[in-house]
Amino acid sequence: MEELKSVDIEKKNIEQKYDKGLVASTFIKYAAYIVIFFGFLYFIVRYIFPMFR
């Protein structure tokens, strides 16, 4: 006959904290990346590309 095993199960409640400041800073960071990227593309098209014509 098999022995009965007693297993204690511990429940953990995970609460996701929603921080508006973190969301805003992440948005500003990626917006800055996009502005820098398009500024670099503008520089290439405006100043570098005409040199090769």
C-alpha atoms as a PDB file:
ATOM      1  CA  MET A   1       0.000   0.000   0.000  1.00  0.00           C
ATOM      2  CA  GLU A   2       1.261   3.465  -0.887  1.00  0.00           C
ATOM      3  CA  GLU A   3       2.004   5.978   1.798  1.00  0.00           C
ATOM      4  CA  LEU A   4      -0.056   9.143   1.762  1.00  0.00           C
ATOM      5  CA  LYS A   5       2.093  12.175   1.164  1.00  0.00           C
ATOM      6  CA  SER A   6       1.148  15.458   2.715  1.00  0.00           C
ATOM      7  CA  VAL A   7       2.051  18.378   0.505  1.00  0.00           C
ATOM      8  CA  ASP A   8       1.619  21.956   1.662  1.00  0.00           C
ATOM      9  CA  ILE A   9       0.886  24.298  -1.212  1.00  0.00           C
ATOM     10  CA  GLU A  10       1.813  27.899  -0.698  1.00  0.00           C
ATOM     11  CA  LYS A  11      -0.157  30.432  -2.706  1.00  0.00           C
ATOM     12  CA  LYS A  12       1.583  33.563  -3.875  1.00  0.00           C
ATOM     13  CA  ASN A  13      -0.352  36.543  -5.080  1.00  0.00           C
ATOM     14  CA  ILE A  14       1.561  38.566  -7.613  1.00  0.00           C
ATOM     15  CA  GLU A  15       0.366  42.102  -7.983  1.00  0.00           C
ATOM     16  CA  GLN A  16       1.601  44.087 -10.925  1.00  0.00           C
ATOM     17  CA  LYS A  17       2.305  47.620  -9.905  1.00  0.00           C
ATOM     18  CA  TYR A  18       1.485  50.176 -12.562  1.00  0.00           C
ATOM     19  CA  ASP A  19       3.771  53.163 -12.281  1.00  0.00           C
ATOM     20  CA  LYS A  20       2.831  56.075 -14.531  1.00  0.00           C
ATOM     21  CA  GLY A  21       6.225  57.675 -14.005  1.00  0.00           C
ATOM     22  CA  LEU A  22       7.975  54.594 -15.356  1.00  0.00           C
ATOM     23  CA  VAL A  23       5.691  54.520 -18.392  1.00  0.00           C
ATOM     24  CA  ALA A  24       6.288  58.216 -19.073  1.00  0.00           C
ATOM     25  CA  SER A  25      10.060  57.930 -18.765  1.00  0.00           C
ATOM     26  CA  THR A  26      10.097  54.919 -21.093  1.00  0.00           C
ATOM     27  CA  PHE A  27       7.985  56.822 -23.619  1.00  0.00           C
ATOM     28  CA  ILE A  28      10.329  59.818 -23.460  1.00  0.00           C
ATOM     29  CA  LYS A  29      13.356  57.554 -23.901  1.00  0.00           C
ATOM     30  CA  TYR A  30      11.982  55.856 -27.022  1.00  0.00           C
ATOM     31  CA  ALA A  31      10.665  59.149 -28.410  1.00  0.00           C
ATOM     32  CA  ALA A  32      14.196  60.545 -28.077  1.00  0.00           C
ATOM     33  CA  TYR A  33      15.571  57.514 -29.928  1.00  0.00           C
ATOM     34  CA  ILE A  34      13.111  58.109 -32.768  1.00  0.00           C
ATOM     35  CA  VAL A  35      13.923  61.832 -32.982  1.00  0.00           C
ATOM     36  CA  ILE A  36      17.663  61.101 -33.060  1.00  0.00           C
ATOM     37  CA  PHE A  37      17.168  58.416 -35.720  1.00  0.00           C
ATOM     38  CA  PHE A  38      15.121  60.672 -38.004  1.00  0.00           C
ATOM     39  CA  GLY A  39      17.509  63.562 -37.387  1.00  0.00           C
ATOM     40  CA  PHE A  40      20.374  61.354 -38.498  1.00  0.00           C
ATOM     41  CA  LEU A  41      18.440  60.286 -41.612  1.00  0.00           C
ATOM     42  CA  TYR A  42      17.652  63.937 -42.388  1.00  0.00           C
ATOM     43  CA  PHE A  43      21.334  64.816 -42.063  1.00  0.00           C
ATOM     44  CA  ILE A  44      22.328  62.001 -44.409  1.00  0.00           C
ATOM     45  CA  VAL A  45      19.717  62.901 -47.028  1.00  0.00           C
ATOM     46  CA  ARG A  46      20.285  66.650 -46.781  1.00  0.00           C
ATOM     47  CA  TYR A  47      24.093  66.875 -46.598  1.00  0.00           C
ATOM     48  CA  ILE A  48      25.772  63.557 -47.357  1.00  0.00           C
ATOM     49  CA  PHE A  49      23.618  62.237 -50.205  1.00  0.00           C
ATOM     50  CA  PRO A  50      23.999  65.362 -52.432  1.00  0.00           C
ATOM     51  CA  MET A  51      27.810  64.956 -52.317  1.00  0.00           C
ATOM     52  CA  PHE A  52      27.551  61.772 -54.374  1.00  0.00           C
ATOM     53  CA  ARG A  53      25.549  63.280 -57.246  1.00  0.00           C
END
